Amino acid sequence: MNYQVAPFWIYSSKLACFIMFSVFFAFFSVSGFILYLFTIGVVWAVVVSFKIHGMKEKGIVLKNSDTSDWMVYVNGIPVQERRQTLSNPCFATIQHAKSFFSIAFIIRALIQIIFCIYLFIYLFILANREIR
């Protein structure tokens, strides 16, 4: 049985640092970083999970999942929780694996490019505003 006493929004120190940086940048009107973290951290993870689940239902993917039991303390109240973590989805053929990972890589790269373009446009607007 594993135990967790940290609040739900702080599962790791890396996430806590990203949240602090996001809040810091939000004070300087740079909210794109928060949107990026939300897109990559939540939306992308959910989309990939749904896609793998759909492929599992079709029989294309064998999804091995490890189940672990946790005791989580929510405001001092112990709550038992069962978590399943995804560990290495196994594809039926190499062609399915190549197509899934190549499409996922292309979509992830497009998300990165879109946010980089957004950043450069925002920096250009800020630079022109300071010159005037």
Protein backbone atom coordinates (compact mmCIF):
# COMPACT_ATOMS: atom_id res chain seq x y z
CA MET A 1 0.00 0.00 0.00
CA ASN A 2 1.43 3.36 -1.05
CA TYR A 3 0.69 6.59 0.78
CA GLN A 4 0.22 10.11 -0.53
CA VAL A 5 -0.08 13.14 1.71
CA ALA A 6 0.69 15.94 -0.78
CA PRO A 7 -2.15 17.93 -2.31
CA PHE A 8 -3.48 16.62 -5.61
CA TRP A 9 -2.03 19.45 -7.70
CA ILE A 10 1.51 18.75 -6.53
CA TYR A 11 2.44 15.21 -7.52
CA SER A 12 6.07 16.05 -8.23
CA SER A 13 8.52 18.87 -7.73
CA LYS A 14 8.79 19.33 -11.51
CA LEU A 15 5.06 20.02 -11.77
CA ALA A 16 5.22 22.40 -8.82
CA CYS A 17 8.06 24.34 -10.49
CA PHE A 18 6.12 24.54 -13.76
CA ILE A 19 3.10 25.87 -11.89
CA MET A 20 5.20 28.49 -10.09
CA PHE A 21 6.84 29.58 -13.37
CA SER A 22 3.41 29.80 -15.02
CA VAL A 23 2.03 31.99 -12.26
CA PHE A 24 5.18 34.14 -12.36
CA PHE A 25 4.92 34.63 -16.13
CA ALA A 26 1.18 35.34 -15.87
CA PHE A 27 2.02 38.47 -13.86
CA PHE A 28 3.92 39.73 -16.92
CA SER A 29 1.01 38.92 -19.32
CA VAL A 30 2.69 35.82 -20.71
CA SER A 31 -0.22 33.43 -20.36
CA GLY A 32 0.81 31.29 -23.35
CA PHE A 33 3.03 29.24 -21.07
CA ILE A 34 0.04 28.25 -18.94
CA LEU A 35 -1.91 27.36 -22.08
CA TYR A 36 1.05 25.30 -23.33
CA LEU A 37 1.28 23.38 -20.05
CA PHE A 38 -2.45 22.71 -20.13
CA THR A 39 -2.34 21.58 -23.75
CA ILE A 40 0.64 19.25 -23.40
CA GLY A 41 -0.02 18.13 -19.83
CA VAL A 42 -3.76 17.51 -19.93
CA VAL A 43 -5.23 17.64 -23.42
CA TRP A 44 -2.43 15.74 -25.17
CA ALA A 45 -2.31 13.03 -22.49
CA VAL A 46 -6.09 12.53 -22.64
CA VAL A 47 -6.12 12.39 -26.46
CA VAL A 48 -3.34 9.79 -26.56
CA SER A 49 -5.01 7.75 -23.82
CA PHE A 50 -8.34 7.77 -25.68
CA LYS A 51 -6.61 6.76 -28.91
CA ILE A 52 -4.80 3.86 -27.23
CA HIS A 53 -8.04 2.79 -25.53
CA GLY A 54 -9.87 2.84 -28.86
CA MET A 55 -7.12 0.79 -30.47
CA LYS A 56 -7.31 -1.64 -27.57
CA GLU A 57 -11.05 -2.06 -28.14
CA LYS A 58 -10.38 -2.84 -31.82
CA GLY A 59 -7.75 -5.42 -30.87
CA ILE A 60 -4.83 -3.54 -32.42
CA VAL A 61 -3.11 -2.85 -29.11
CA LEU A 62 -2.48 -5.01 -26.06
CA LYS A 63 -2.40 -2.59 -23.13
CA ASN A 64 -0.54 -3.91 -20.13
CA SER A 65 -1.39 -1.92 -17.04
CA ASP A 66 0.01 -2.20 -13.58
CA THR A 67 -2.50 -1.72 -10.78
CA SER A 68 -1.32 -0.18 -7.54
CA ASP A 69 -3.28 0.52 -4.37
CA TRP A 70 -2.88 3.93 -2.77
CA MET A 71 -4.01 5.46 0.49
CA VAL A 72 -4.62 9.16 -0.22
CA TYR A 73 -5.32 11.60 2.58
CA VAL A 74 -7.85 14.25 1.48
CA ASN A 75 -8.15 16.90 4.18
CA GLY A 76 -7.04 14.33 6.76
CA ILE A 77 -9.56 11.70 5.64
CA PRO A 78 -7.98 8.49 4.35
CA VAL A 79 -9.32 7.42 0.96
CA GLN A 80 -8.33 4.16 -0.72
CA GLU A 81 -7.56 4.55 -4.39
CA ARG A 82 -6.60 2.09 -7.10
CA ARG A 83 -4.46 3.47 -9.92
CA GLN A 84 -3.60 1.88 -13.22
CA THR A 85 -0.47 3.08 -14.96
CA LEU A 86 0.14 2.48 -18.63
CA SER A 87 3.25 0.47 -19.33
CA ASN A 88 4.40 -0.15 -22.89
CA PRO A 89 1.43 -0.71 -25.19
CA CYS A 90 2.10 -3.66 -27.48
CA PHE A 91 0.93 -3.29 -31.09
CA ALA A 92 -0.29 -6.19 -33.23
CA THR A 93 1.98 -5.33 -36.15
CA ILE A 94 5.01 -3.14 -36.68
CA GLN A 95 3.06 -1.15 -39.27
CA HIS A 96 0.41 -0.15 -36.69
CA ALA A 97 3.14 0.91 -34.25
CA LYS A 98 4.97 2.97 -36.88
CA SER A 99 1.81 4.72 -38.03
CA PHE A 100 0.64 5.47 -34.47
CA PHE A 101 3.97 6.87 -33.30
CA SER A 102 4.66 8.80 -36.50
CA ILE A 103 1.23 10.47 -36.44
CA ALA A 104 1.60 11.20 -32.71
CA PHE A 105 5.06 12.69 -33.32
CA ILE A 106 3.79 14.87 -36.17
CA ILE A 107 0.86 16.17 -34.10
CA ARG A 108 3.12 16.85 -31.11
CA ALA A 109 5.62 18.66 -33.35
CA LEU A 110 2.80 20.78 -34.80
CA ILE A 111 1.68 21.73 -31.30
CA GLN A 112 5.26 22.74 -30.45
CA ILE A 113 5.57 24.77 -33.68
CA ILE A 114 2.25 26.54 -33.08
CA PHE A 115 3.30 27.58 -29.58
CA CYS A 116 6.74 28.72 -30.80
CA ILE A 117 5.06 30.87 -33.47
CA TYR A 118 2.71 32.24 -30.80
CA LEU A 119 5.71 33.09 -28.62
CA PHE A 120 7.56 34.89 -31.43
CA ILE A 121 4.45 36.85 -32.42
CA TYR A 122 3.90 37.86 -28.80
CA LEU A 123 7.54 38.91 -28.41
CA PHE A 124 7.33 40.90 -31.65
CA ILE A 125 4.22 42.71 -30.41
CA LEU A 126 5.89 43.48 -27.07
CA ALA A 127 9.05 44.75 -28.78
CA ASN A 128 7.05 47.07 -31.06
CA ARG A 129 4.98 48.36 -28.15
CA GLU A 130 8.12 49.36 -26.19
CA ILE A 131 9.67 51.20 -29.15
CA ARG A 132 6.73 53.59 -29.52
